[in-house]
Amino acid sequence: MAGFRMEVSIRKLHNNPNMFEFVISTPTLTSQFRLPRPLVNKLRILIEKALVDKPRQ
């Protein structure tokens, strides 16, 4: 990943504490989207599982 640059930012919306805004930026593309808290929690669980699971051989 030495040649690939990506920035990720997450913030809670001020007018709705159960909504989160994600911004993912690369040199060629920026994506912005909003997710409700239950979906953010599901995403967090999926990321944690991917980080601790051993790869299949």
PDB file of N, CA and C in Angstrom:
ATOM      1  N   MET A   1       0.815  -1.196   0.000  1.00  0.00           N
ATOM      2  CA  MET A   1       0.000   0.000   0.000  1.00  0.00           C
ATOM      3  C   MET A   1       0.856   1.257   0.000  1.00  0.00           C
ATOM      4  N   ALA A   2       2.114   1.127  -0.297  1.00  0.00           N
ATOM      5  CA  ALA A   2       3.001   2.281  -0.231  1.00  0.00           C
ATOM      6  C   ALA A   2       2.617   3.353  -1.246  1.00  0.00           C
ATOM      7  N   GLY A   3       2.078   2.959  -2.406  1.00  0.00           N
ATOM      8  CA  GLY A   3       1.760   3.933  -3.433  1.00  0.00           C
ATOM      9  C   GLY A   3       0.318   4.404  -3.440  1.00  0.00           C
ATOM     10  N   PHE A   4      -0.486   3.941  -2.501  1.00  0.00           N
ATOM     11  CA  PHE A   4      -1.906   4.288  -2.493  1.00  0.00           C
ATOM     12  C   PHE A   4      -2.215   5.166  -1.292  1.00  0.00           C
ATOM     13  N   ARG A   5      -2.816   6.329  -1.536  1.00  0.00           N
ATOM     14  CA  ARG A   5      -3.155   7.246  -0.456  1.00  0.00           C
ATOM     15  C   ARG A   5      -4.670   7.370  -0.335  1.00  0.00           C
ATOM     16  N   MET A   6      -5.173   7.224   0.876  1.00  0.00           N
ATOM     17  CA  MET A   6      -6.604   7.360   1.118  1.00  0.00           C
ATOM     18  C   MET A   6      -6.797   7.971   2.505  1.00  0.00           C
ATOM     19  N   GLU A   7      -7.733   8.894   2.598  1.00  0.00           N
ATOM     20  CA  GLU A   7      -8.078   9.502   3.873  1.00  0.00           C
ATOM     21  C   GLU A   7      -9.533   9.184   4.191  1.00  0.00           C
ATOM     22  N   VAL A   8      -9.788   8.873   5.449  1.00  0.00           N
ATOM     23  CA  VAL A   8     -11.148   8.567   5.905  1.00  0.00           C
ATOM     24  C   VAL A   8     -11.452   9.463   7.104  1.00  0.00           C
ATOM     25  N   SER A   9     -12.598  10.114   7.062  1.00  0.00           N
ATOM     26  CA  SER A   9     -13.022  10.897   8.223  1.00  0.00           C
ATOM     27  C   SER A   9     -14.467  10.529   8.563  1.00  0.00           C
ATOM     28  N   ILE A  10     -14.750  10.593   9.854  1.00  0.00           N
ATOM     29  CA  ILE A  10     -16.089  10.259  10.358  1.00  0.00           C
ATOM     30  C   ILE A  10     -16.476  11.330  11.361  1.00  0.00           C
ATOM     31  N   ARG A  11     -17.713  11.799  11.262  1.00  0.00           N
ATOM     32  CA  ARG A  11     -18.194  12.753  12.260  1.00  0.00           C
ATOM     33  C   ARG A  11     -19.667  12.497  12.546  1.00  0.00           C
ATOM     34  N   LYS A  12     -20.041  12.795  13.775  1.00  0.00           N
ATOM     35  CA  LYS A  12     -21.435  12.689  14.184  1.00  0.00           C
ATOM     36  C   LYS A  12     -22.139  13.983  13.774  1.00  0.00           C
ATOM     37  N   LEU A  13     -23.323  13.876  13.211  1.00  0.00           N
ATOM     38  CA  LEU A  13     -24.063  15.068  12.804  1.00  0.00           C
ATOM     39  C   LEU A  13     -24.602  15.789  14.033  1.00  0.00           C
ATOM     40  N   HIS A  14     -24.506  17.103  14.038  1.00  0.00           N
ATOM     41  CA  HIS A  14     -24.931  17.893  15.190  1.00  0.00           C
ATOM     42  C   HIS A  14     -26.447  17.870  15.376  1.00  0.00           C
ATOM     43  N   ASN A  15     -27.189  17.870  14.292  1.00  0.00           N
ATOM     44  CA  ASN A  15     -28.645  17.924  14.403  1.00  0.00           C
ATOM     45  C   ASN A  15     -29.289  16.557  14.627  1.00  0.00           C
ATOM     46  N   ASN A  16     -28.508  15.475  14.483  1.00  0.00           N
ATOM     47  CA  ASN A  16     -29.033  14.129  14.702  1.00  0.00           C
ATOM     48  C   ASN A  16     -27.902  13.240  15.214  1.00  0.00           C
ATOM     49  N   PRO A  17     -27.818  13.002  16.511  1.00  0.00           N
ATOM     50  CA  PRO A  17     -26.704  12.229  17.070  1.00  0.00           C
ATOM     51  C   PRO A  17     -26.701  10.755  16.674  1.00  0.00           C
ATOM     52  N   ASN A  18     -27.739  10.297  15.993  1.00  0.00           N
ATOM     53  CA  ASN A  18     -27.790   8.907  15.540  1.00  0.00           C
ATOM     54  C   ASN A  18     -27.416   8.757  14.067  1.00  0.00           C
ATOM     55  N   MET A  19     -26.890   9.822  13.467  1.00  0.00           N
ATOM     56  CA  MET A  19     -26.430   9.784  12.077  1.00  0.00           C
ATOM     57  C   MET A  19     -24.959  10.177  12.032  1.00  0.00           C
ATOM     58  N   PHE A  20     -24.202   9.480  11.193  1.00  0.00           N
ATOM     59  CA  PHE A  20     -22.780   9.726  11.063  1.00  0.00           C
ATOM     60  C   PHE A  20     -22.442   9.978   9.599  1.00  0.00           C
ATOM     61  N   GLU A  21     -21.541  10.919   9.382  1.00  0.00           N
ATOM     62  CA  GLU A  21     -21.117  11.257   8.031  1.00  0.00           C
ATOM     63  C   GLU A  21     -19.704  10.721   7.808  1.00  0.00           C
ATOM     64  N   PHE A  22     -19.538   9.978   6.738  1.00  0.00           N
ATOM     65  CA  PHE A  22     -18.245   9.423   6.354  1.00  0.00           C
ATOM     66  C   PHE A  22     -17.775  10.128   5.090  1.00  0.00           C
ATOM     67  N   VAL A  23     -16.504  10.473   5.045  1.00  0.00           N
ATOM     68  CA  VAL A  23     -15.895  11.020   3.837  1.00  0.00           C
ATOM     69  C   VAL A  23     -14.637  10.202   3.569  1.00  0.00           C
ATOM     70  N   ILE A  24     -14.575   9.618   2.375  1.00  0.00           N
ATOM     71  CA  ILE A  24     -13.420   8.830   1.950  1.00  0.00           C
ATOM     72  C   ILE A  24     -12.829   9.522   0.737  1.00  0.00           C
ATOM     73  N   SER A  25     -11.552   9.885   0.832  1.00  0.00           N
ATOM     74  CA  SER A  25     -10.910  10.643  -0.240  1.00  0.00           C
ATOM     75  C   SER A  25      -9.651   9.946  -0.732  1.00  0.00           C
ATOM     76  N   THR A  26      -9.526   9.892  -2.046  1.00  0.00           N
ATOM     77  CA  THR A  26      -8.295   9.462  -2.703  1.00  0.00           C
ATOM     78  C   THR A  26      -7.879  10.613  -3.617  1.00  0.00           C
ATOM     79  N   PRO A  27      -6.717  10.537  -4.205  1.00  0.00           N
ATOM     80  CA  PRO A  27      -6.319  11.622  -5.109  1.00  0.00           C
ATOM     81  C   PRO A  27      -7.270  11.819  -6.292  1.00  0.00           C
ATOM     82  N   THR A  28      -8.011  10.791  -6.671  1.00  0.00           N
ATOM     83  CA  THR A  28      -8.873  10.909  -7.852  1.00  0.00           C
ATOM     84  C   THR A  28     -10.368  10.926  -7.550  1.00  0.00           C
ATOM     85  N   LEU A  29     -10.765  10.593  -6.306  1.00  0.00           N
ATOM     86  CA  LEU A  29     -12.191  10.474  -6.006  1.00  0.00           C
ATOM     87  C   LEU A  29     -12.463  10.782  -4.537  1.00  0.00           C
ATOM     88  N   THR A  30     -13.568  11.473  -4.278  1.00  0.00           N
ATOM     89  CA  THR A  30     -14.039  11.700  -2.910  1.00  0.00           C
ATOM     90  C   THR A  30     -15.492  11.247  -2.829  1.00  0.00           C
ATOM     91  N   SER A  31     -15.781  10.416  -1.810  1.00  0.00           N
ATOM     92  CA  SER A  31     -17.149   9.945  -1.580  1.00  0.00           C
ATOM     93  C   SER A  31     -17.591  10.378  -0.197  1.00  0.00           C
ATOM     94  N   GLN A  32     -18.818  10.844  -0.117  1.00  0.00           N
ATOM     95  CA  GLN A  32     -19.388  11.290   1.148  1.00  0.00           C
ATOM     96  C   GLN A  32     -20.730  10.592   1.311  1.00  0.00           C
ATOM     97  N   PHE A  33     -20.957  10.020   2.486  1.00  0.00           N
ATOM     98  CA  PHE A  33     -22.247   9.387   2.713  1.00  0.00           C
ATOM     99  C   PHE A  33     -22.587   9.427   4.190  1.00  0.00           C
ATOM    100  N   ARG A  34     -23.861   9.269   4.501  1.00  0.00           N
ATOM    101  CA  ARG A  34     -24.358   9.294   5.873  1.00  0.00           C
ATOM    102  C   ARG A  34     -24.988   7.950   6.210  1.00  0.00           C
ATOM    103  N   LEU A  35     -24.694   7.490   7.421  1.00  0.00           N
ATOM    104  CA  LEU A  35     -25.201   6.203   7.868  1.00  0.00           C
ATOM    105  C   LEU A  35     -25.835   6.347   9.248  1.00  0.00           C
ATOM    106  N   PRO A  36     -26.931   5.624   9.498  1.00  0.00           N
ATOM    107  CA  PRO A  36     -27.533   5.643  10.833  1.00  0.00           C
ATOM    108  C   PRO A  36     -26.704   4.792  11.804  1.00  0.00           C
ATOM    109  N   ARG A  37     -26.848   5.064  13.077  1.00  0.00           N
ATOM    110  CA  ARG A  37     -26.069   4.388  14.121  1.00  0.00           C
ATOM    111  C   ARG A  37     -26.117   2.852  14.019  1.00  0.00           C
ATOM    112  N   PRO A  38     -27.284   2.221  13.816  1.00  0.00           N
ATOM    113  CA  PRO A  38     -27.295   0.753  13.732  1.00  0.00           C
ATOM    114  C   PRO A  38     -26.415   0.215  12.596  1.00  0.00           C
ATOM    115  N   LEU A  39     -26.386   0.909  11.480  1.00  0.00           N
ATOM    116  CA  LEU A  39     -25.549   0.467  10.367  1.00  0.00           C
ATOM    117  C   LEU A  39     -24.066   0.695  10.664  1.00  0.00           C
ATOM    118  N   VAL A  40     -23.742   1.777  11.348  1.00  0.00           N
ATOM    119  CA  VAL A  40     -22.353   2.030  11.753  1.00  0.00           C
ATOM    120  C   VAL A  40     -21.894   0.927  12.709  1.00  0.00           C
ATOM    121  N   ASN A  41     -22.756   0.538  13.636  1.00  0.00           N
ATOM    122  CA  ASN A  41     -22.408  -0.544  14.565  1.00  0.00           C
ATOM    123  C   ASN A  41     -22.192  -1.862  13.826  1.00  0.00           C
ATOM    124  N   LYS A  42     -23.032  -2.145  12.845  1.00  0.00           N
ATOM    125  CA  LYS A  42     -22.871  -3.365  12.054  1.00  0.00           C
ATOM    126  C   LYS A  42     -21.561  -3.323  11.264  1.00  0.00           C
ATOM    127  N   LEU A  43     -21.249  -2.185  10.699  1.00  0.00           N
ATOM    128  CA  LEU A  43     -20.001  -2.017   9.961  1.00  0.00           C
ATOM    129  C   LEU A  43     -18.801  -2.203  10.882  1.00  0.00           C
ATOM    130  N   ARG A  44     -18.872  -1.663  12.090  1.00  0.00           N
ATOM    131  CA  ARG A  44     -17.792  -1.807  13.067  1.00  0.00           C
ATOM    132  C   ARG A  44     -17.548  -3.279  13.406  1.00  0.00           C
ATOM    133  N   ILE A  45     -18.632  -4.029  13.604  1.00  0.00           N
ATOM    134  CA  ILE A  45     -18.516  -5.457  13.913  1.00  0.00           C
ATOM    135  C   ILE A  45     -17.878  -6.210  12.751  1.00  0.00           C
ATOM    136  N   LEU A  46     -18.297  -5.904  11.521  1.00  0.00           N
ATOM    137  CA  LEU A  46     -17.725  -6.573  10.351  1.00  0.00           C
ATOM    138  C   LEU A  46     -16.235  -6.271  10.200  1.00  0.00           C
ATOM    139  N   ILE A  47     -15.845  -5.029  10.469  1.00  0.00           N
ATOM    140  CA  ILE A  47     -14.427  -4.660  10.385  1.00  0.00           C
ATOM    141  C   ILE A  47     -13.623  -5.394  11.454  1.00  0.00           C
ATOM    142  N   GLU A  48     -14.141  -5.440  12.674  1.00  0.00           N
ATOM    143  CA  GLU A  48     -13.440  -6.144  13.750  1.00  0.00           C
ATOM    144  C   GLU A  48     -13.270  -7.624  13.433  1.00  0.00           C
ATOM    145  N   LYS A  49     -14.292  -8.260  12.884  1.00  0.00           N
ATOM    146  CA  LYS A  49     -14.192  -9.674  12.507  1.00  0.00           C
ATOM    147  C   LYS A  49     -13.132  -9.878  11.431  1.00  0.00           C
ATOM    148  N   ALA A  50     -13.105  -8.991  10.438  1.00  0.00           N
ATOM    149  CA  ALA A  50     -12.119  -9.107   9.360  1.00  0.00           C
ATOM    150  C   ALA A  50     -10.701  -8.933   9.896  1.00  0.00           C
ATOM    151  N   LEU A  51     -10.525  -8.095  10.895  1.00  0.00           N
ATOM    152  CA  LEU A  51      -9.195  -7.850  11.446  1.00  0.00           C
ATOM    153  C   LEU A  51      -8.680  -9.019  12.277  1.00  0.00           C
ATOM    154  N   VAL A  52      -9.561  -9.731  12.967  1.00  0.00           N
ATOM    155  CA  VAL A  52      -9.109 -10.802  13.851  1.00  0.00           C
ATOM    156  C   VAL A  52      -9.209 -12.194  13.239  1.00  0.00           C
ATOM    157  N   ASP A  53      -9.997 -12.361  12.187  1.00  0.00           N
ATOM    158  CA  ASP A  53     -10.111 -13.679  11.548  1.00  0.00           C
ATOM    159  C   ASP A  53      -8.826 -14.041  10.827  1.00  0.00           C
ATOM    160  N   LYS A  54      -8.489 -15.324  10.910  1.00  0.00           N
ATOM    161  CA  LYS A  54      -7.328 -15.815  10.177  1.00  0.00           C
ATOM    162  C   LYS A  54      -7.725 -16.058   8.726  1.00  0.00           C
ATOM    163  N   PRO A  55      -6.826 -15.747   7.783  1.00  0.00           N
ATOM    164  CA  PRO A  55      -7.156 -15.981   6.371  1.00  0.00           C
ATOM    165  C   PRO A  55      -7.325 -17.472   6.076  1.00  0.00           C
ATOM    166  N   ARG A  56      -8.219 -17.777   5.157  1.00  0.00           N
ATOM    167  CA  ARG A  56      -8.445 -19.185   4.748  1.00  0.00           C
ATOM    168  C   ARG A  56      -7.339 -19.613   3.806  1.00  0.00           C
ATOM    169  N   GLN A  57      -6.943 -20.881   3.963  1.00  0.00           N
ATOM    170  CA  GLN A  57      -5.893 -21.411   3.079  1.00  0.00           C
ATOM    171  C   GLN A  57      -6.387 -22.575   2.281  1.00  0.00           C
TER     172      GLN A  57
END
